[in-house]
Amino acid sequence: MATATAVTPSVPVPGPRKAAPAPTVTDPALVRRAVKAAALGNAMEWFDFGVYSYIAVTLGKVFFPSGNPTAQLLSTFGAFAAAFLVRPIGGMVFGPLGDRVGRQKVLAVTMIMMAAGTFAIGLIPSYATIGVGAPVLLLAARLVQGFSTGGEYAGASTFIAEYAPDKKRGFFGSWLEFGTLAGYIGGAGLVTLMTALLSDNDLTSWGWRIPFLIAGPMGIIGLYLRMRLEETPAFAAEVEKAESSRPKVPLREMITGQWRSLFLCVALVLVFNVTDYMLLSYMPSYLTSELKYDETHGLLVVLAVMTLMMIVQPFAGALTDRVGRRPVIAAGCAGFLLLSVPALLLIRQGSLVAVGLGMAALGLLLVCFTAAMPAALPALFPTRVRYGSLSVGFNVSVSLFGGTTPLVVTALIGATGDMMMPAYYMMAAAVIGGFAAWRMKETAGRPLPGSPPSLEAPR
């Protein structure tokens, strides 16, 4: 009689499980210091852009031959747009460098270059003094600024995003654009004060130089703050993981390896910057040159709208942490699609109340982007290539669509005679941005790709 033999089924022995990465615990004081340093650099960058935009009519008289005022304004905006042509080059240099040697070091370099380029504009002689050399030197200074800013926004937003705890990344990131608005308000306020106090002759002969010369001491302060910062925890962990010097990441890998995220980045930055430059850079000149609006009152309206945006900005940033980045960005796109034409019609009414209401509507819609983008854009890319990939995507989009907005819209109005072109341009951008918001993943409250969870230390 056969004896049954018990057979023990083989059970695979589980291997050792990989331990989940330990969360990063952030020091609130250190996070606030990092946010201040990054926001100040952004403020200095946009102080210059704000001054350049608000005093564009005067700069046209100073640097370009006398003649058709529209041609002078186009030449001035042409020099403004030229800086954006080199921004992708700056991004391709500073972005990979930031992923290689660290965010803090690169941001210190961009601060020096931005301050030097802006300060140099204030020293350039006028066209009446040195002829064609004046616009050439202006263009050279703008190219220095454009090259340095190629690494500024991507680095600053990456820096804040990698320091901030996951559940407050939207709130802390919103302070980067708070710095942008503060820079614009500083530039606009100074130009408004000078326009009110100085005669046209004084403003054209020497007054226009003052805002640009202020960049020197601002740059020194910003550099001091940035040099005191430590490297971000995410980058430090990436270096430690490599166990030695950081491996060089080819630029090709930053692009082809992240193509989907890059397309989303370009589309999101397009709607963000077209609407941003339309409202904050182009509208002051639109009110003055196209609608023949009183220059001082026009600047005061823009100044009031930016102040309103600053007040709302941190609250909107905190809202993105609660409801998500996608709903807030989508709401902004829908608002620009539906309200751009009514808002511009209000502005074209010409009365102070109508202009103020139209500009305020556009400004509050723009806050949907300024509050969400500093946290949403860095979260598109992993730590290893975040600075480089974001620099490429951001600057390509800004160069092609954002920085050229004043020039393109001015040319479109001149070619068609249709004063509603600014509204149509914003609506087209909103369609593209809305599609990108639909396709992007929600990142609010979640760790950055390639980084462990980030928690705030208890107080």
Protein backbone atom coordinates (compact mmCIF):
# COMPACT_ATOMS: atom_id res chain seq x y z
CA MET A 1 0.00 0.00 0.00
CA ALA A 2 1.43 3.23 -1.08
CA THR A 3 2.08 5.86 1.50
CA ALA A 4 0.98 9.40 0.68
CA THR A 5 3.78 11.84 0.96
CA ALA A 6 2.94 15.33 2.03
CA VAL A 7 4.31 17.83 -0.38
CA THR A 8 5.02 21.27 0.95
CA PRO A 9 4.34 23.85 -1.73
CA SER A 10 7.27 26.11 -2.38
CA VAL A 11 6.63 29.63 -1.15
CA PRO A 12 8.81 32.37 -2.57
CA VAL A 13 10.77 34.08 0.11
CA PRO A 14 10.25 37.80 -0.17
CA GLY A 15 13.39 39.83 -0.58
CA PRO A 16 14.18 42.78 1.58
CA ARG A 17 11.83 45.66 0.95
CA LYS A 18 13.24 49.01 0.08
CA ALA A 19 12.62 51.39 2.88
CA ALA A 20 10.48 54.39 2.01
CA PRO A 21 12.56 57.53 1.84
CA ALA A 22 12.54 59.44 5.08
CA PRO A 23 10.58 62.67 4.83
CA THR A 24 12.39 65.99 4.83
CA VAL A 25 11.49 68.18 7.79
CA THR A 26 11.80 71.84 6.89
CA ASP A 27 12.66 74.65 9.28
CA PRO A 28 9.98 77.38 8.88
CA ALA A 29 12.52 80.15 9.54
CA LEU A 30 14.84 78.80 6.86
CA VAL A 31 11.96 78.48 4.38
CA ARG A 32 10.94 82.11 4.96
CA ARG A 33 14.53 83.27 4.47
CA ALA A 34 14.77 81.33 1.20
CA VAL A 35 11.49 82.80 -0.01
CA LYS A 36 12.62 86.35 0.78
CA ALA A 37 15.91 85.94 -1.07
CA ALA A 38 14.27 84.41 -4.15
CA ALA A 39 11.43 86.95 -4.22
CA LEU A 40 13.81 89.91 -3.91
CA GLY A 41 15.71 88.81 -7.01
CA ASN A 42 12.45 88.50 -8.90
CA ALA A 43 11.41 91.92 -7.63
CA MET A 44 14.60 93.47 -8.99
CA GLU A 45 14.14 91.81 -12.37
CA TRP A 46 10.58 93.06 -12.70
CA PHE A 47 11.38 96.49 -11.28
CA ASP A 48 13.45 96.98 -14.42
CA PHE A 49 10.80 95.52 -16.73
CA GLY A 50 8.15 97.67 -15.09
CA VAL A 51 10.18 100.84 -15.42
CA TYR A 52 11.06 100.03 -19.03
CA SER A 53 7.40 99.48 -19.92
CA TYR A 54 5.99 102.50 -18.11
CA ILE A 55 8.60 104.90 -19.43
CA ALA A 56 8.69 103.39 -22.94
CA VAL A 57 7.45 106.57 -24.64
CA THR A 58 10.27 108.60 -23.05
CA LEU A 59 12.87 105.97 -23.89
CA GLY A 60 11.74 106.10 -27.52
CA LYS A 61 12.53 109.82 -27.60
CA VAL A 62 15.91 109.33 -25.88
CA PHE A 63 17.32 106.40 -27.85
CA PHE A 64 15.73 106.57 -31.30
CA PRO A 65 15.63 109.24 -34.02
CA SER A 66 12.81 111.76 -33.84
CA GLY A 67 9.91 111.13 -36.17
CA ASN A 68 6.77 109.04 -35.98
CA PRO A 69 5.86 108.42 -32.29
CA THR A 70 4.46 104.98 -33.17
CA ALA A 71 7.75 104.05 -34.86
CA GLN A 72 9.65 105.20 -31.75
CA LEU A 73 7.39 103.11 -29.51
CA LEU A 74 7.80 100.09 -31.78
CA SER A 75 11.60 100.52 -31.69
CA THR A 76 11.55 100.71 -27.89
CA PHE A 77 9.41 97.58 -27.59
CA GLY A 78 11.66 95.94 -30.18
CA ALA A 79 14.64 96.42 -27.85
CA PHE A 80 12.43 95.14 -25.02
CA ALA A 81 11.59 92.01 -27.00
CA ALA A 82 15.20 91.46 -28.15
CA ALA A 83 16.21 90.51 -24.60
CA PHE A 84 13.79 87.62 -24.79
CA LEU A 85 15.55 86.18 -27.82
CA VAL A 86 18.58 85.30 -25.67
CA ARG A 87 16.60 84.06 -22.69
CA PRO A 88 16.51 80.46 -23.97
CA ILE A 89 20.29 80.60 -24.38
CA GLY A 90 20.63 81.79 -20.79
CA GLY A 91 18.28 79.03 -19.70
CA MET A 92 20.32 76.41 -21.53
CA VAL A 93 23.46 77.66 -19.75
CA PHE A 94 22.20 78.37 -16.24
CA GLY A 95 19.59 75.58 -16.01
CA PRO A 96 21.94 72.61 -16.48
CA LEU A 97 24.52 74.43 -14.36
CA GLY A 98 21.97 74.72 -11.56
CA ASP A 99 21.38 70.96 -11.73
CA ARG A 100 25.11 70.38 -11.67
CA VAL A 101 26.61 72.78 -9.10
CA GLY A 102 23.49 73.82 -7.17
CA ARG A 103 20.63 76.27 -7.22
CA GLN A 104 22.08 78.78 -4.76
CA LYS A 105 25.34 79.43 -6.63
CA VAL A 106 23.64 80.00 -9.98
CA LEU A 107 21.04 82.33 -8.48
CA ALA A 108 23.85 84.46 -7.04
CA VAL A 109 25.39 84.80 -10.51
CA THR A 110 22.09 85.73 -12.18
CA MET A 111 21.55 88.41 -9.51
CA ILE A 112 24.90 90.04 -10.33
CA MET A 113 24.23 90.04 -14.07
CA MET A 114 20.71 91.42 -13.76
CA ALA A 115 21.83 94.30 -11.56
CA ALA A 116 24.77 95.12 -13.86
CA GLY A 117 22.62 95.15 -17.01
CA THR A 118 19.95 97.36 -15.48
CA PHE A 119 22.47 99.76 -13.94
CA ALA A 120 24.25 100.07 -17.29
CA ILE A 121 21.09 101.33 -19.03
CA GLY A 122 21.07 104.32 -16.69
CA LEU A 123 24.58 105.29 -17.87
CA ILE A 124 24.03 105.16 -21.66
CA PRO A 125 24.24 108.53 -23.47
CA SER A 126 21.25 109.58 -25.58
CA TYR A 127 20.90 109.29 -29.36
CA ALA A 128 21.37 113.06 -29.62
CA THR A 129 24.78 112.69 -27.92
CA ILE A 130 26.38 109.64 -29.59
CA GLY A 131 24.00 108.79 -32.42
CA VAL A 132 23.46 105.18 -33.40
CA GLY A 133 25.72 104.01 -30.58
CA ALA A 134 22.91 104.77 -28.08
CA PRO A 135 20.38 102.17 -29.32
CA VAL A 136 23.24 99.69 -29.86
CA LEU A 137 24.35 100.04 -26.22
CA LEU A 138 20.74 99.83 -25.06
CA LEU A 139 20.36 96.61 -27.00
CA ALA A 140 23.59 95.21 -25.52
CA ALA A 141 22.43 95.96 -21.96
CA ARG A 142 19.06 94.37 -22.67
CA LEU A 143 20.79 91.24 -23.99
CA VAL A 144 22.79 90.94 -20.75
CA GLN A 145 19.56 91.24 -18.80
CA GLY A 146 17.84 88.67 -21.00
CA PHE A 147 20.70 86.19 -20.70
CA SER A 148 20.73 86.42 -16.90
CA THR A 149 16.96 86.22 -16.51
CA GLY A 150 17.12 82.99 -18.53
CA GLY A 151 18.21 81.35 -15.29
CA GLU A 152 16.35 83.52 -12.81
CA TYR A 153 12.67 82.55 -12.71
CA ALA A 154 13.20 78.81 -13.14
CA GLY A 155 15.89 78.86 -10.47
CA ALA A 156 13.91 80.98 -8.03
CA SER A 157 10.73 78.93 -8.38
CA THR A 158 12.73 75.69 -8.09
CA PHE A 159 14.50 77.04 -5.02
CA ILE A 160 11.24 77.89 -3.23
CA ALA A 161 9.48 74.71 -4.34
CA GLU A 162 12.30 72.50 -3.05
CA TYR A 163 12.40 74.29 0.31
CA ALA A 164 8.65 74.49 0.93
CA PRO A 165 6.69 71.74 2.73
CA ASP A 166 4.34 69.83 0.44
CA LYS A 167 1.14 71.14 2.00
CA LYS A 168 2.21 74.81 1.78
CA ARG A 169 4.09 74.87 -1.53
CA GLY A 170 1.41 76.96 -3.21
CA PHE A 171 1.40 79.52 -0.42
CA PHE A 172 5.17 79.92 -0.27
CA GLY A 173 5.50 79.85 -4.07
CA SER A 174 2.98 82.67 -4.39
CA TRP A 175 5.44 84.99 -2.67
CA LEU A 176 7.71 84.75 -5.70
CA GLU A 177 5.09 86.55 -7.76
CA PHE A 178 4.44 88.83 -4.80
CA GLY A 179 8.02 89.94 -5.42
CA THR A 180 7.22 90.42 -9.10
CA LEU A 181 4.31 92.69 -8.25
CA ALA A 182 6.36 94.54 -5.66
CA GLY A 183 9.01 95.20 -8.30
CA TYR A 184 6.41 96.42 -10.75
CA ILE A 185 4.80 98.63 -8.13
CA GLY A 186 8.19 100.07 -7.18
CA GLY A 187 8.97 100.80 -10.82
CA ALA A 188 5.50 102.13 -11.62
CA GLY A 189 5.35 104.23 -8.46
CA LEU A 190 8.72 105.81 -9.16
CA VAL A 191 7.83 106.57 -12.79
CA THR A 192 4.48 108.01 -11.73
CA LEU A 193 6.15 110.23 -9.14
CA MET A 194 8.76 111.42 -11.63
CA THR A 195 6.11 112.05 -14.30
CA ALA A 196 4.13 114.18 -11.83
CA LEU A 197 7.10 116.14 -10.47
CA LEU A 198 9.33 116.58 -13.51
CA SER A 199 8.72 118.47 -16.71
CA ASP A 200 8.84 116.58 -20.00
CA ASN A 201 12.25 118.12 -20.75
CA ASP A 202 13.71 117.11 -17.38
CA LEU A 203 12.29 113.59 -17.65
CA THR A 204 13.75 113.17 -21.14
CA SER A 205 17.14 114.75 -20.38
CA TRP A 206 18.03 113.09 -17.05
CA GLY A 207 15.05 111.93 -14.98
CA TRP A 208 14.59 108.64 -16.84
CA ARG A 209 18.02 107.46 -15.62
CA ILE A 210 17.12 107.41 -11.92
CA PRO A 211 15.06 104.16 -11.86
CA PHE A 212 17.76 102.21 -13.70
CA LEU A 213 20.57 103.45 -11.45
CA ILE A 214 18.67 102.25 -8.38
CA ALA A 215 19.33 98.67 -9.55
CA GLY A 216 22.93 98.88 -8.32
CA PRO A 217 22.24 98.96 -4.56
CA MET A 218 19.24 96.64 -4.97
CA GLY A 219 21.51 94.05 -6.59
CA ILE A 220 24.03 94.26 -3.75
CA ILE A 221 21.31 93.63 -1.16
CA GLY A 222 19.88 90.73 -3.13
CA LEU A 223 23.30 89.16 -3.64
CA TYR A 224 24.01 89.38 0.11
CA LEU A 225 20.74 87.59 0.92
CA ARG A 226 21.32 84.85 -1.63
CA MET A 227 24.91 84.19 -0.57
CA ARG A 228 23.71 83.52 2.98
CA LEU A 229 21.37 80.71 1.91
CA GLU A 230 22.05 76.99 2.12
CA GLU A 231 21.41 74.63 -0.78
CA THR A 232 17.88 73.20 -1.06
CA PRO A 233 17.19 69.92 0.79
CA ALA A 234 16.08 68.22 -2.46
CA PHE A 235 19.30 69.08 -4.28
CA ALA A 236 21.43 68.16 -1.26
CA ALA A 237 19.70 64.74 -1.12
CA GLU A 238 20.34 64.25 -4.83
CA VAL A 239 24.03 64.97 -4.36
CA GLU A 240 24.20 62.59 -1.39
CA LYS A 241 22.48 59.89 -3.45
CA ALA A 242 25.16 60.23 -6.12
CA GLU A 243 27.81 59.60 -3.41
CA SER A 244 30.27 61.85 -5.22
CA SER A 245 30.22 64.79 -7.57
CA ARG A 246 26.97 65.32 -9.43
CA PRO A 247 26.82 63.50 -12.76
CA LYS A 248 26.47 65.80 -15.72
CA VAL A 249 23.01 65.61 -17.24
CA PRO A 250 23.12 66.17 -21.02
CA LEU A 251 20.90 68.97 -22.29
CA ARG A 252 19.39 66.49 -24.73
CA GLU A 253 18.16 64.37 -21.81
CA MET A 254 16.59 67.44 -20.22
CA ILE A 255 14.59 67.98 -23.39
CA THR A 256 13.87 64.65 -25.09
CA GLY A 257 13.56 62.80 -21.80
CA GLN A 258 10.93 65.27 -20.56
CA TRP A 259 9.11 66.11 -23.78
CA ARG A 260 5.55 65.73 -22.42
CA SER A 261 6.25 67.86 -19.37
CA LEU A 262 8.04 70.41 -21.57
CA PHE A 263 5.02 70.77 -23.85
CA LEU A 264 2.77 71.32 -20.83
CA CYS A 265 5.28 73.80 -19.40
CA VAL A 266 5.41 75.81 -22.64
CA ALA A 267 1.60 75.97 -22.87
CA LEU A 268 1.13 76.95 -19.22
CA VAL A 269 3.83 79.60 -19.41
CA LEU A 270 2.29 80.92 -22.63
CA VAL A 271 -1.04 81.82 -21.04
CA PHE A 272 0.69 82.99 -17.87
CA ASN A 273 3.07 85.36 -19.63
CA VAL A 274 0.90 86.62 -22.48
CA THR A 275 -1.68 87.81 -19.95
CA ASP A 276 1.02 89.04 -17.55
CA TYR A 277 2.88 91.13 -20.12
CA MET A 278 -0.36 92.33 -21.65
CA LEU A 279 -1.62 93.74 -18.38
CA LEU A 280 1.55 94.89 -16.66
CA SER A 281 3.83 95.83 -19.57
CA TYR A 282 1.63 96.71 -22.53
CA MET A 283 -1.48 98.29 -21.00
CA PRO A 284 0.24 101.44 -19.65
CA SER A 285 1.50 102.26 -23.15
CA TYR A 286 -1.86 101.19 -24.67
CA LEU A 287 -3.67 103.67 -22.47
CA THR A 288 -1.27 106.45 -23.35
CA SER A 289 -0.38 105.94 -27.01
CA GLU A 290 -3.47 104.21 -28.42
CA LEU A 291 -6.31 105.59 -26.28
CA LYS A 292 -4.66 109.00 -25.64
CA TYR A 293 -5.32 108.54 -21.93
CA ASP A 294 -3.66 110.90 -19.48
CA GLU A 295 -0.27 109.33 -18.69
CA THR A 296 -0.24 109.98 -14.94
CA HIS A 297 -3.79 108.74 -14.37
CA GLY A 298 -3.11 105.66 -16.49
CA LEU A 299 -0.08 104.76 -14.39
CA LEU A 300 -2.02 105.30 -11.16
CA VAL A 301 -4.74 102.89 -12.33
CA VAL A 302 -2.17 100.21 -13.11
CA LEU A 303 -0.48 100.84 -9.78
CA ALA A 304 -3.80 100.40 -7.93
CA VAL A 305 -4.55 97.15 -9.80
CA MET A 306 -1.14 95.71 -8.95
CA THR A 307 -1.64 96.64 -5.29
CA LEU A 308 -4.95 94.76 -5.34
CA MET A 309 -3.20 91.77 -6.88
CA MET A 310 -0.51 91.83 -4.18
CA ILE A 311 -3.15 91.78 -1.45
CA VAL A 312 -4.93 88.78 -2.99
CA GLN A 313 -1.79 86.88 -4.01
CA PRO A 314 -0.90 84.99 -0.77
CA PHE A 315 -4.54 84.02 -0.19
CA ALA A 316 -4.81 82.69 -3.73
CA GLY A 317 -1.57 80.74 -3.23
CA ALA A 318 -2.99 79.15 -0.08
CA LEU A 319 -6.19 78.36 -2.02
CA THR A 320 -4.17 76.30 -4.52
CA ASP A 321 -2.92 74.18 -1.61
CA ARG A 322 -6.52 73.43 -0.58
CA VAL A 323 -8.36 72.97 -3.90
CA GLY A 324 -5.42 72.21 -6.20
CA ARG A 325 -3.42 73.99 -8.90
CA ARG A 326 -5.49 72.69 -11.84
CA PRO A 327 -8.86 74.18 -10.81
CA VAL A 328 -7.32 77.59 -10.14
CA ILE A 329 -5.41 77.67 -13.45
CA ALA A 330 -8.49 76.44 -15.33
CA ALA A 331 -10.62 79.15 -13.72
CA GLY A 332 -8.15 81.79 -14.88
CA CYS A 333 -8.21 80.46 -18.45
CA ALA A 334 -12.01 80.38 -18.53
CA GLY A 335 -12.13 83.90 -17.14
CA PHE A 336 -9.81 85.32 -19.80
CA LEU A 337 -11.73 83.50 -22.53
CA LEU A 338 -15.08 84.94 -21.41
CA LEU A 339 -14.16 88.31 -19.96
CA SER A 340 -11.28 89.69 -22.09
CA VAL A 341 -13.60 91.44 -24.56
CA PRO A 342 -15.94 92.93 -21.90
CA ALA A 343 -12.94 94.08 -19.83
CA LEU A 344 -11.27 95.78 -22.80
CA LEU A 345 -14.54 97.42 -23.81
CA LEU A 346 -14.74 98.84 -20.30
CA ILE A 347 -11.16 100.11 -20.56
CA ARG A 348 -11.94 101.73 -23.92
CA GLN A 349 -14.79 103.68 -22.31
CA GLY A 350 -12.06 105.98 -21.04
CA SER A 351 -13.53 107.06 -17.71
CA LEU A 352 -11.43 106.45 -14.60
CA VAL A 353 -14.05 104.11 -13.08
CA ALA A 354 -14.47 102.09 -16.28
CA VAL A 355 -10.72 101.76 -16.86
CA GLY A 356 -10.22 100.77 -13.22
CA LEU A 357 -12.94 98.09 -13.33
CA GLY A 358 -11.68 96.61 -16.59
CA MET A 359 -8.08 96.50 -15.40
CA ALA A 360 -9.08 95.10 -11.99
CA ALA A 361 -11.01 92.25 -13.67
CA LEU A 362 -7.97 91.30 -15.76
CA GLY A 363 -5.69 91.64 -12.73
CA LEU A 364 -7.75 89.30 -10.56
CA LEU A 365 -7.86 86.73 -13.35
CA LEU A 366 -4.09 87.00 -13.70
CA VAL A 367 -3.74 86.15 -9.99
CA CYS A 368 -5.01 82.66 -10.83
CA PHE A 369 -1.73 82.16 -12.70
CA THR A 370 0.65 84.14 -10.50
CA ALA A 371 -0.57 82.18 -7.46
CA ALA A 372 -0.47 78.69 -8.98
CA MET A 373 2.41 78.64 -11.48
CA PRO A 374 5.41 78.97 -9.11
CA ALA A 375 4.36 75.71 -7.44
CA ALA A 376 2.88 73.96 -10.50
CA LEU A 377 5.78 74.42 -12.94
CA PRO A 378 8.65 72.94 -10.84
CA ALA A 379 6.44 69.95 -10.03
CA LEU A 380 6.39 68.99 -13.72
CA PHE A 381 10.00 67.75 -13.56
CA PRO A 382 12.10 65.42 -11.36
CA THR A 383 14.83 66.82 -9.11
CA ARG A 384 17.70 65.61 -11.28
CA VAL A 385 16.71 67.80 -14.25
CA ARG A 386 14.25 70.25 -12.66
CA TYR A 387 16.25 73.46 -13.00
CA GLY A 388 17.47 72.69 -16.52
CA SER A 389 14.22 71.40 -18.01
CA LEU A 390 12.14 74.15 -16.45
CA SER A 391 14.62 76.80 -17.67
CA VAL A 392 14.36 75.52 -21.24
CA GLY A 393 10.57 75.22 -21.30
CA PHE A 394 9.91 78.45 -19.45
CA ASN A 395 12.28 80.62 -21.48
CA VAL A 396 11.35 79.22 -24.88
CA SER A 397 7.72 80.04 -24.14
CA VAL A 398 8.44 83.49 -22.70
CA SER A 399 10.69 84.37 -25.64
CA LEU A 400 8.25 83.28 -28.32
CA PHE A 401 5.01 84.45 -26.76
CA GLY A 402 5.34 86.46 -23.53
CA GLY A 403 8.07 89.03 -24.11
CA THR A 404 6.94 89.66 -27.68
CA THR A 405 3.38 90.46 -26.60
CA PRO A 406 3.74 94.29 -26.57
CA LEU A 407 5.50 94.29 -29.94
CA VAL A 408 3.10 91.84 -31.62
CA VAL A 409 -0.07 93.50 -30.33
CA THR A 410 1.17 96.99 -31.28
CA ALA A 411 1.98 95.72 -34.77
CA LEU A 412 -1.40 93.95 -35.09
CA ILE A 413 -3.26 97.11 -34.15
CA GLY A 414 -1.19 99.08 -36.65
CA ALA A 415 -1.85 96.54 -39.42
CA THR A 416 -5.57 96.00 -38.80
CA GLY A 417 -6.69 99.16 -37.03
CA ASP A 418 -8.65 96.92 -34.64
CA MET A 419 -8.23 98.24 -31.09
CA MET A 420 -9.66 94.99 -29.66
CA MET A 421 -6.56 92.99 -30.62
CA PRO A 422 -5.32 92.77 -26.99
CA ALA A 423 -8.53 90.94 -26.01
CA TYR A 424 -8.34 88.51 -28.91
CA TYR A 425 -4.71 87.75 -28.15
CA MET A 426 -5.49 86.94 -24.50
CA MET A 427 -8.42 84.74 -25.52
CA ALA A 428 -6.24 82.68 -27.86
CA ALA A 429 -3.69 82.22 -25.07
CA ALA A 430 -6.46 81.14 -22.68
CA VAL A 431 -7.55 78.33 -25.02
CA ILE A 432 -4.01 76.93 -25.12
CA GLY A 433 -3.56 77.28 -21.36
CA GLY A 434 -6.90 75.63 -20.67
CA PHE A 435 -5.91 72.59 -22.71
CA ALA A 436 -2.63 72.32 -20.75
CA ALA A 437 -4.50 72.59 -17.42
CA TRP A 438 -6.78 69.76 -18.54
CA ARG A 439 -3.80 67.53 -19.39
CA MET A 440 -1.58 68.25 -16.38
CA LYS A 441 -1.56 66.14 -13.22
CA GLU A 442 -2.61 67.58 -9.90
CA THR A 443 0.42 68.11 -7.65
CA ALA A 444 -0.96 70.04 -4.67
CA GLY A 445 -0.03 68.46 -1.34
CA ARG A 446 2.19 65.83 -2.96
CA PRO A 447 5.99 65.42 -2.94
CA LEU A 448 7.96 66.81 -5.85
CA PRO A 449 8.93 64.13 -8.41
CA GLY A 450 12.17 62.49 -7.35
CA SER A 451 12.01 63.91 -3.82
CA PRO A 452 10.83 62.44 -0.51
CA PRO A 453 7.82 63.95 1.27
CA SER A 454 8.52 67.37 2.77
CA LEU A 455 6.99 68.23 6.15
CA GLU A 456 7.02 71.41 8.18
CA ALA A 457 8.75 71.19 11.55
CA PRO A 458 6.42 71.78 14.49
CA ARG A 459 6.84 75.17 16.09
